[in-house]
Amino acid sequence: MAVWFRSNQDPAPIAQDRLGPVLLVPGRNADSVGLVDLQRRLFLTGRRVIIVSTGIEDTGDLRAQARQVQETAENAIATGAPSVDIVGYSAGGIVTRLWLAEGGDALARRVVTIASPNQGVAGDPLKNLVTEKYCEVTCPQLEPGSALLKGLPAAKGQAPWLNLWSTRDHIVGESTAQLPGVLNIPVQSICPKNKSSHVSVSSDPVVVGIVLKALAQAPITAAPTQQDCAALRKSGSPDILPGVSPTPDA
């Protein structure tokens, strides 16, 4: 059995060849729409997939959303899941990091973050990232140098972790998306003509293909290359009519 040992004091490894449910974490409820294609594609591989809602009574506090992730993960484990895989999109990547720091690391088999403002974001990009009525709480948490971001531990020693972003993203730019200690991959390093934006990146076929590969039995240990572009795009494409090929670099 393949296992990935953790660096914390819990000696129990997470089995890498036993696939539990996948938790998809949006930054806000509106971001859930961008995760539907990924959810559907994962369903087609036989995985159970749960989009963790920010909740009806959401105040915008990312810590509260991290607690919702914990509750969802605990429920999955209680019903027989060996572990969970987690994919955090946009500010949901920060929620994922909070969850890992607060005990989720003991339950996570794989981690993927997509277009997440890991180094913080300010100004107009921040306004595009956060729903206006929640900005009073959420915006200070996501600003560069915030107490929340500074309090997050380094990502080293966690579950196998892939961090993705698009260089065409004008909301979460490359400088804020990068995260030391994990495998960082800009989509355009694989498919140079890829035009995915912040809104479309989580449903982009190339990104979906990378996520599928990252959550398979064996973890990704090295970044895919341009030679992998077509295969990843094909594997991540939604159902298409017979005889119709996906649009190149869509």
C-alpha atoms as a PDB file:
ATOM      1  CA  MET A   1       0.000   0.000   0.000  1.00  0.00           C
ATOM      2  CA  ALA A   2       1.325   3.422  -0.963  1.00  0.00           C
ATOM      3  CA  VAL A   3       1.365   5.903   1.916  1.00  0.00           C
ATOM      4  CA  TRP A   4       2.482   9.479   2.470  1.00  0.00           C
ATOM      5  CA  PHE A   5       3.908  10.115   5.927  1.00  0.00           C
ATOM      6  CA  ARG A   6       3.240  13.389   7.676  1.00  0.00           C
ATOM      7  CA  SER A   7       5.659  15.549   9.577  1.00  0.00           C
ATOM      8  CA  ASN A   8       3.390  16.170  12.569  1.00  0.00           C
ATOM      9  CA  GLN A   9       3.382  14.100  15.743  1.00  0.00           C
ATOM     10  CA  ASP A  10       0.587  11.793  14.614  1.00  0.00           C
ATOM     11  CA  PRO A  11       2.408   8.665  13.332  1.00  0.00           C
ATOM     12  CA  ALA A  12      -0.605   7.332  11.419  1.00  0.00           C
ATOM     13  CA  PRO A  13      -0.093   7.678   7.659  1.00  0.00           C
ATOM     14  CA  ILE A  14      -2.823   8.546   5.186  1.00  0.00           C
ATOM     15  CA  ALA A  15      -3.355   5.720   2.697  1.00  0.00           C
ATOM     16  CA  GLN A  16      -2.765   7.084  -0.786  1.00  0.00           C
ATOM     17  CA  ASP A  17      -4.452   4.203  -2.616  1.00  0.00           C
ATOM     18  CA  ARG A  18      -7.795   4.499  -0.792  1.00  0.00           C
ATOM     19  CA  LEU A  19      -9.887   7.258  -2.314  1.00  0.00           C
ATOM     20  CA  GLY A  20     -12.335   9.129  -0.113  1.00  0.00           C
ATOM     21  CA  PRO A  21     -14.656  11.984  -1.058  1.00  0.00           C
ATOM     22  CA  VAL A  22     -13.467  15.231  -2.595  1.00  0.00           C
ATOM     23  CA  LEU A  23     -14.361  18.500  -0.867  1.00  0.00           C
ATOM     24  CA  LEU A  24     -14.571  21.544  -3.145  1.00  0.00           C
ATOM     25  CA  VAL A  25     -14.231  24.816  -1.249  1.00  0.00           C
ATOM     26  CA  PRO A  26     -15.362  28.080  -2.878  1.00  0.00           C
ATOM     27  CA  GLY A  27     -14.361  31.464  -1.538  1.00  0.00           C
ATOM     28  CA  ARG A  28     -18.004  32.587  -1.552  1.00  0.00           C
ATOM     29  CA  ASN A  29     -21.280  31.055  -2.674  1.00  0.00           C
ATOM     30  CA  ALA A  30     -21.016  32.717  -6.089  1.00  0.00           C
ATOM     31  CA  ASP A  31     -17.765  30.812  -6.703  1.00  0.00           C
ATOM     32  CA  SER A  32     -19.627  27.514  -6.348  1.00  0.00           C
ATOM     33  CA  VAL A  33     -20.867  27.890  -9.933  1.00  0.00           C
ATOM     34  CA  GLY A  34     -17.271  27.796 -11.143  1.00  0.00           C
ATOM     35  CA  LEU A  35     -16.769  24.454  -9.410  1.00  0.00           C
ATOM     36  CA  VAL A  36     -19.741  22.646 -10.958  1.00  0.00           C
ATOM     37  CA  ASP A  37     -17.829  21.453 -14.041  1.00  0.00           C
ATOM     38  CA  LEU A  38     -15.037  20.120 -11.856  1.00  0.00           C
ATOM     39  CA  GLN A  39     -17.572  18.456  -9.565  1.00  0.00           C
ATOM     40  CA  ARG A  40     -19.302  16.791 -12.512  1.00  0.00           C
ATOM     41  CA  ARG A  41     -16.048  15.594 -14.066  1.00  0.00           C
ATOM     42  CA  LEU A  42     -14.945  14.086 -10.756  1.00  0.00           C
ATOM     43  CA  PHE A  43     -18.350  12.392 -10.415  1.00  0.00           C
ATOM     44  CA  LEU A  44     -17.729  10.706 -13.765  1.00  0.00           C
ATOM     45  CA  THR A  45     -14.568   9.116 -12.367  1.00  0.00           C
ATOM     46  CA  GLY A  46     -16.613   7.549  -9.572  1.00  0.00           C
ATOM     47  CA  ARG A  47     -15.650   9.990  -6.827  1.00  0.00           C
ATOM     48  CA  ARG A  48     -18.063  11.375  -4.268  1.00  0.00           C
ATOM     49  CA  VAL A  49     -17.787  15.163  -4.476  1.00  0.00           C
ATOM     50  CA  ILE A  50     -19.151  17.779  -2.053  1.00  0.00           C
ATOM     51  CA  ILE A  51     -19.146  21.538  -2.600  1.00  0.00           C
ATOM     52  CA  VAL A  52     -18.783  23.026   0.884  1.00  0.00           C
ATOM     53  CA  SER A  53     -21.155  25.983   0.955  1.00  0.00           C
ATOM     54  CA  THR A  54     -20.236  29.178   2.767  1.00  0.00           C
ATOM     55  CA  GLY A  55     -23.598  28.818   4.515  1.00  0.00           C
ATOM     56  CA  ILE A  56     -26.865  30.752   4.645  1.00  0.00           C
ATOM     57  CA  GLU A  57     -25.801  32.604   7.793  1.00  0.00           C
ATOM     58  CA  ASP A  58     -22.357  33.417   6.416  1.00  0.00           C
ATOM     59  CA  THR A  59     -20.745  36.577   7.788  1.00  0.00           C
ATOM     60  CA  GLY A  60     -17.712  36.384   5.537  1.00  0.00           C
ATOM     61  CA  ASP A  61     -15.399  35.064   8.255  1.00  0.00           C
ATOM     62  CA  LEU A  62     -13.007  32.635   6.572  1.00  0.00           C
ATOM     63  CA  ARG A  63     -12.396  30.910   9.914  1.00  0.00           C
ATOM     64  CA  ALA A  64     -16.096  30.063  10.158  1.00  0.00           C
ATOM     65  CA  GLN A  65     -15.976  28.544   6.694  1.00  0.00           C
ATOM     66  CA  ALA A  66     -12.937  26.480   7.732  1.00  0.00           C
ATOM     67  CA  ARG A  67     -15.036  25.085  10.578  1.00  0.00           C
ATOM     68  CA  GLN A  68     -17.692  24.107   8.027  1.00  0.00           C
ATOM     69  CA  VAL A  69     -15.025  22.241   6.073  1.00  0.00           C
ATOM     70  CA  GLN A  70     -13.994  20.447   9.253  1.00  0.00           C
ATOM     71  CA  GLU A  71     -17.590  19.437   9.981  1.00  0.00           C
ATOM     72  CA  THR A  72     -18.032  18.121   6.440  1.00  0.00           C
ATOM     73  CA  ALA A  73     -14.770  16.175   6.598  1.00  0.00           C
ATOM     74  CA  GLU A  74     -15.583  14.706  10.007  1.00  0.00           C
ATOM     75  CA  ASN A  75     -18.996  13.568   8.742  1.00  0.00           C
ATOM     76  CA  ALA A  76     -17.335  11.834   5.791  1.00  0.00           C
ATOM     77  CA  ILE A  77     -14.847  10.050   8.062  1.00  0.00           C
ATOM     78  CA  ALA A  78     -17.620   9.069  10.477  1.00  0.00           C
ATOM     79  CA  THR A  79     -19.492   7.362   7.651  1.00  0.00           C
ATOM     80  CA  GLY A  80     -16.511   5.260   6.597  1.00  0.00           C
ATOM     81  CA  ALA A  81     -14.312   7.444   4.384  1.00  0.00           C
ATOM     82  CA  PRO A  82     -10.571   6.765   4.879  1.00  0.00           C
ATOM     83  CA  SER A  83      -9.683  10.432   4.294  1.00  0.00           C
ATOM     84  CA  VAL A  84     -10.711  13.386   2.150  1.00  0.00           C
ATOM     85  CA  ASP A  85      -9.174  15.202  -0.782  1.00  0.00           C
ATOM     86  CA  ILE A  86      -9.690  18.966  -0.787  1.00  0.00           C
ATOM     87  CA  VAL A  87      -9.696  21.536  -3.589  1.00  0.00           C
ATOM     88  CA  GLY A  88      -9.830  25.210  -2.590  1.00  0.00           C
ATOM     89  CA  TYR A  89     -10.709  27.759  -5.262  1.00  0.00           C
ATOM     90  CA  SER A  90     -10.085  31.503  -4.972  1.00  0.00           C
ATOM     91  CA  ALA A  91     -10.436  32.585  -1.309  1.00  0.00           C
ATOM     92  CA  GLY A  92     -11.449  28.967  -0.692  1.00  0.00           C
ATOM     93  CA  GLY A  93      -7.749  28.206  -0.919  1.00  0.00           C
ATOM     94  CA  ILE A  94      -7.181  30.348   2.163  1.00  0.00           C
ATOM     95  CA  VAL A  95     -10.071  28.547   3.864  1.00  0.00           C
ATOM     96  CA  THR A  96      -8.350  25.276   2.963  1.00  0.00           C
ATOM     97  CA  ARG A  97      -5.099  26.457   4.511  1.00  0.00           C
ATOM     98  CA  LEU A  98      -6.933  27.522   7.675  1.00  0.00           C
ATOM     99  CA  TRP A  99      -8.606  24.121   7.869  1.00  0.00           C
ATOM    100  CA  LEU A 100      -5.295  22.299   7.452  1.00  0.00           C
ATOM    101  CA  ALA A 101      -3.686  24.454  10.147  1.00  0.00           C
ATOM    102  CA  GLU A 102      -6.527  23.769  12.577  1.00  0.00           C
ATOM    103  CA  GLY A 103      -6.464  19.967  12.365  1.00  0.00           C
ATOM    104  CA  GLY A 104      -7.554  19.160   8.834  1.00  0.00           C
ATOM    105  CA  ASP A 105      -4.061  17.947   8.033  1.00  0.00           C
ATOM    106  CA  ALA A 106      -4.878  14.748   9.922  1.00  0.00           C
ATOM    107  CA  LEU A 107      -7.752  14.022   7.517  1.00  0.00           C
ATOM    108  CA  ALA A 108      -6.401  15.239   4.168  1.00  0.00           C
ATOM    109  CA  ARG A 109      -4.963  12.841   1.623  1.00  0.00           C
ATOM    110  CA  ARG A 110      -4.386  15.428  -1.146  1.00  0.00           C
ATOM    111  CA  VAL A 111      -4.629  19.206  -1.389  1.00  0.00           C
ATOM    112  CA  VAL A 112      -5.158  21.384  -4.468  1.00  0.00           C
ATOM    113  CA  THR A 113      -5.474  25.163  -4.399  1.00  0.00           C
ATOM    114  CA  ILE A 114      -6.575  27.111  -7.491  1.00  0.00           C
ATOM    115  CA  ALA A 115      -6.212  30.873  -8.052  1.00  0.00           C
ATOM    116  CA  SER A 116      -5.875  31.522  -4.325  1.00  0.00           C
ATOM    117  CA  PRO A 117      -4.604  34.863  -2.951  1.00  0.00           C
ATOM    118  CA  ASN A 118      -1.922  33.215  -0.829  1.00  0.00           C
ATOM    119  CA  GLN A 119       0.119  36.381  -0.364  1.00  0.00           C
ATOM    120  CA  GLY A 120      -2.893  38.653  -0.004  1.00  0.00           C
ATOM    121  CA  VAL A 121      -4.637  41.045  -2.362  1.00  0.00           C
ATOM    122  CA  ALA A 122      -5.788  44.658  -2.131  1.00  0.00           C
ATOM    123  CA  GLY A 123      -7.543  47.413  -4.079  1.00  0.00           C
ATOM    124  CA  ASP A 124      -9.886  46.646  -6.964  1.00  0.00           C
ATOM    125  CA  PRO A 125      -8.825  42.973  -7.191  1.00  0.00           C
ATOM    126  CA  LEU A 126      -9.908  42.491  -3.570  1.00  0.00           C
ATOM    127  CA  LYS A 127     -13.298  44.061  -4.313  1.00  0.00           C
ATOM    128  CA  ASN A 128     -13.710  41.582  -7.164  1.00  0.00           C
ATOM    129  CA  LEU A 129     -12.799  38.712  -4.877  1.00  0.00           C
ATOM    130  CA  VAL A 130     -15.162  39.415  -1.976  1.00  0.00           C
ATOM    131  CA  THR A 131     -18.929  39.933  -1.938  1.00  0.00           C
ATOM    132  CA  GLU A 132     -19.517  43.566  -0.926  1.00  0.00           C
ATOM    133  CA  LYS A 133     -21.718  42.870   2.095  1.00  0.00           C
ATOM    134  CA  TYR A 134     -19.021  40.603   3.588  1.00  0.00           C
ATOM    135  CA  CYS A 135     -16.085  42.906   2.879  1.00  0.00           C
ATOM    136  CA  GLU A 136     -16.049  44.410   6.366  1.00  0.00           C
ATOM    137  CA  VAL A 137     -15.003  41.014   7.740  1.00  0.00           C
ATOM    138  CA  THR A 138     -13.372  39.231   4.796  1.00  0.00           C
ATOM    139  CA  CYS A 139     -11.379  42.040   3.191  1.00  0.00           C
ATOM    140  CA  PRO A 140      -9.108  42.666   6.220  1.00  0.00           C
ATOM    141  CA  GLN A 141      -8.449  38.907   6.375  1.00  0.00           C
ATOM    142  CA  LEU A 142      -7.242  38.811   2.761  1.00  0.00           C
ATOM    143  CA  GLU A 143      -5.142  41.958   2.675  1.00  0.00           C
ATOM    144  CA  PRO A 144      -1.362  41.485   2.380  1.00  0.00           C
ATOM    145  CA  GLY A 145       0.225  41.161   5.806  1.00  0.00           C
ATOM    146  CA  SER A 146      -3.089  40.513   7.582  1.00  0.00           C
ATOM    147  CA  ALA A 147      -3.021  38.774  10.939  1.00  0.00           C
ATOM    148  CA  LEU A 148      -4.872  35.823   9.397  1.00  0.00           C
ATOM    149  CA  LEU A 149      -2.400  35.326   6.549  1.00  0.00           C
ATOM    150  CA  LYS A 150       0.642  35.910   8.771  1.00  0.00           C
ATOM    151  CA  GLY A 151      -0.721  33.344  11.218  1.00  0.00           C
ATOM    152  CA  LEU A 152      -0.918  30.557   8.651  1.00  0.00           C
ATOM    153  CA  PRO A 153       1.911  28.014   9.005  1.00  0.00           C
ATOM    154  CA  ALA A 154       4.231  27.077   6.179  1.00  0.00           C
ATOM    155  CA  ALA A 155       2.811  24.492   3.813  1.00  0.00           C
ATOM    156  CA  LYS A 156       5.799  22.162   4.156  1.00  0.00           C
ATOM    157  CA  GLY A 157       5.134  18.726   5.587  1.00  0.00           C
ATOM    158  CA  GLN A 158       1.463  18.664   4.644  1.00  0.00           C
ATOM    159  CA  ALA A 159      -0.324  16.231   2.331  1.00  0.00           C
ATOM    160  CA  PRO A 160       0.839  16.189  -1.321  1.00  0.00           C
ATOM    161  CA  TRP A 161      -0.180  19.685  -2.412  1.00  0.00           C
ATOM    162  CA  LEU A 162      -0.612  21.247  -5.842  1.00  0.00           C
ATOM    163  CA  ASN A 163      -1.073  25.019  -6.258  1.00  0.00           C
ATOM    164  CA  LEU A 164      -2.419  26.238  -9.624  1.00  0.00           C
ATOM    165  CA  TRP A 165      -3.057  29.648 -11.155  1.00  0.00           C
ATOM    166  CA  SER A 166      -3.396  31.383 -14.513  1.00  0.00           C
ATOM    167  CA  THR A 167      -1.066  34.143 -15.672  1.00  0.00           C
ATOM    168  CA  ARG A 168      -4.153  35.644 -17.380  1.00  0.00           C
ATOM    169  CA  ASP A 169      -5.816  36.111 -13.992  1.00  0.00           C
ATOM    170  CA  HIS A 170      -6.129  39.861 -13.300  1.00  0.00           C
ATOM    171  CA  ILE A 171      -7.637  39.385  -9.833  1.00  0.00           C
ATOM    172  CA  VAL A 172      -5.205  36.932  -8.236  1.00  0.00           C
ATOM    173  CA  GLY A 173      -1.909  37.587  -9.978  1.00  0.00           C
ATOM    174  CA  GLU A 174       1.101  35.335 -10.107  1.00  0.00           C
ATOM    175  CA  SER A 175       2.930  37.121  -7.296  1.00  0.00           C
ATOM    176  CA  THR A 176       0.100  36.558  -4.807  1.00  0.00           C
ATOM    177  CA  ALA A 177      -0.896  33.093  -6.043  1.00  0.00           C
ATOM    178  CA  GLN A 178       2.460  31.430  -5.380  1.00  0.00           C
ATOM    179  CA  LEU A 179       2.866  29.416  -2.197  1.00  0.00           C
ATOM    180  CA  PRO A 180       6.292  28.298  -0.939  1.00  0.00           C
ATOM    181  CA  GLY A 181       6.654  24.679   0.086  1.00  0.00           C
ATOM    182  CA  VAL A 182       4.222  23.142  -2.416  1.00  0.00           C
ATOM    183  CA  LEU A 183       4.248  22.246  -6.111  1.00  0.00           C
ATOM    184  CA  ASN A 184       3.415  25.541  -7.867  1.00  0.00           C
ATOM    185  CA  ILE A 185       2.165  25.362 -11.465  1.00  0.00           C
ATOM    186  CA  PRO A 186       0.983  28.234 -13.682  1.00  0.00           C
ATOM    187  CA  VAL A 187      -1.388  26.810 -16.301  1.00  0.00           C
ATOM    188  CA  GLN A 188       0.475  28.580 -19.112  1.00  0.00           C
ATOM    189  CA  SER A 189       3.670  26.674 -18.306  1.00  0.00           C
ATOM    190  CA  ILE A 190       1.800  23.634 -19.660  1.00  0.00           C
ATOM    191  CA  CYS A 191      -0.464  25.243 -22.268  1.00  0.00           C
ATOM    192  CA  PRO A 192       1.075  28.618 -23.258  1.00  0.00           C
ATOM    193  CA  LYS A 193      -2.009  29.716 -25.238  1.00  0.00           C
ATOM    194  CA  ASN A 194      -4.440  29.029 -22.408  1.00  0.00           C
ATOM    195  CA  LYS A 195      -6.661  32.081 -21.783  1.00  0.00           C
ATOM    196  CA  SER A 196      -8.372  31.138 -18.517  1.00  0.00           C
ATOM    197  CA  SER A 197      -9.234  34.053 -16.231  1.00  0.00           C
ATOM    198  CA  HIS A 198      -9.954  34.063 -12.520  1.00  0.00           C
ATOM    199  CA  VAL A 199     -13.621  33.353 -13.166  1.00  0.00           C
ATOM    200  CA  SER A 200     -13.024  30.531 -15.659  1.00  0.00           C
ATOM    201  CA  VAL A 201      -9.853  28.884 -14.363  1.00  0.00           C
ATOM    202  CA  SER A 202     -11.523  26.347 -12.059  1.00  0.00           C
ATOM    203  CA  SER A 203     -13.612  24.977 -14.937  1.00  0.00           C
ATOM    204  CA  ASP A 204     -10.893  25.193 -17.570  1.00  0.00           C
ATOM    205  CA  PRO A 205     -10.405  21.706 -19.108  1.00  0.00           C
ATOM    206  CA  VAL A 206      -6.628  21.837 -18.623  1.00  0.00           C
ATOM    207  CA  VAL A 207      -7.015  22.729 -14.953  1.00  0.00           C
ATOM    208  CA  VAL A 208      -9.681  20.057 -14.492  1.00  0.00           C
ATOM    209  CA  GLY A 209      -7.350  17.536 -16.141  1.00  0.00           C
ATOM    210  CA  ILE A 210      -4.522  18.493 -13.786  1.00  0.00           C
ATOM    211  CA  VAL A 211      -6.815  18.195 -10.755  1.00  0.00           C
ATOM    212  CA  LEU A 212      -7.987  14.745 -11.878  1.00  0.00           C
ATOM    213  CA  LYS A 213      -4.370  13.653 -12.153  1.00  0.00           C
ATOM    214  CA  ALA A 214      -3.449  15.219  -8.803  1.00  0.00           C
ATOM    215  CA  LEU A 215      -6.250  13.346  -7.018  1.00  0.00           C
ATOM    216  CA  ALA A 216      -5.547   9.960  -8.608  1.00  0.00           C
ATOM    217  CA  GLN A 217      -3.900   7.158  -6.625  1.00  0.00           C
ATOM    218  CA  ALA A 218      -0.350   8.380  -7.235  1.00  0.00           C
ATOM    219  CA  PRO A 219       0.363  12.056  -6.443  1.00  0.00           C
ATOM    220  CA  ILE A 220       1.881  14.457  -8.954  1.00  0.00           C
ATOM    221  CA  THR A 221       5.512  14.900  -7.939  1.00  0.00           C
ATOM    222  CA  ALA A 222       6.689  17.059 -10.860  1.00  0.00           C
ATOM    223  CA  ALA A 223       4.980  19.699 -12.945  1.00  0.00           C
ATOM    224  CA  PRO A 224       3.471  18.501 -16.228  1.00  0.00           C
ATOM    225  CA  THR A 225       5.157  19.848 -19.361  1.00  0.00           C
ATOM    226  CA  GLN A 226       3.904  21.317 -22.619  1.00  0.00           C
ATOM    227  CA  GLN A 227       3.930  17.796 -24.053  1.00  0.00           C
ATOM    228  CA  ASP A 228       1.128  16.966 -21.598  1.00  0.00           C
ATOM    229  CA  CYS A 229      -1.105  19.876 -22.622  1.00  0.00           C
ATOM    230  CA  ALA A 230      -3.343  18.073 -25.125  1.00  0.00           C
ATOM    231  CA  ALA A 231      -3.788  14.978 -22.961  1.00  0.00           C
ATOM    232  CA  LEU A 232      -4.683  17.008 -19.871  1.00  0.00           C
ATOM    233  CA  ARG A 233      -7.135  19.156 -21.823  1.00  0.00           C
ATOM    234  CA  LYS A 234      -8.786  16.052 -23.247  1.00  0.00           C
ATOM    235  CA  SER A 235      -9.102  14.305 -19.875  1.00  0.00           C
ATOM    236  CA  GLY A 236     -10.560  17.433 -18.284  1.00  0.00           C
ATOM    237  CA  SER A 237     -13.034  18.278 -21.009  1.00  0.00           C
ATOM    238  CA  PRO A 238     -16.748  17.918 -20.297  1.00  0.00           C
ATOM    239  CA  ASP A 239     -18.786  15.390 -22.256  1.00  0.00           C
ATOM    240  CA  ILE A 240     -18.824  16.212 -25.945  1.00  0.00           C
ATOM    241  CA  LEU A 241     -20.775  14.827 -28.885  1.00  0.00           C
ATOM    242  CA  PRO A 242     -19.225  11.818 -30.687  1.00  0.00           C
ATOM    243  CA  GLY A 243     -16.727  12.891 -33.284  1.00  0.00           C
ATOM    244  CA  VAL A 244     -16.362  16.417 -31.870  1.00  0.00           C
ATOM    245  CA  SER A 245     -12.990  17.383 -30.432  1.00  0.00           C
ATOM    246  CA  PRO A 246     -12.407  19.924 -27.655  1.00  0.00           C
ATOM    247  CA  THR A 247     -11.420  23.390 -28.858  1.00  0.00           C
ATOM    248  CA  PRO A 248      -7.606  23.766 -28.649  1.00  0.00           C
ATOM    249  CA  ASP A 249      -6.474  25.893 -25.702  1.00  0.00           C
ATOM    250  CA  ALA A 250     -10.059  26.623 -24.742  1.00  0.00           C
END
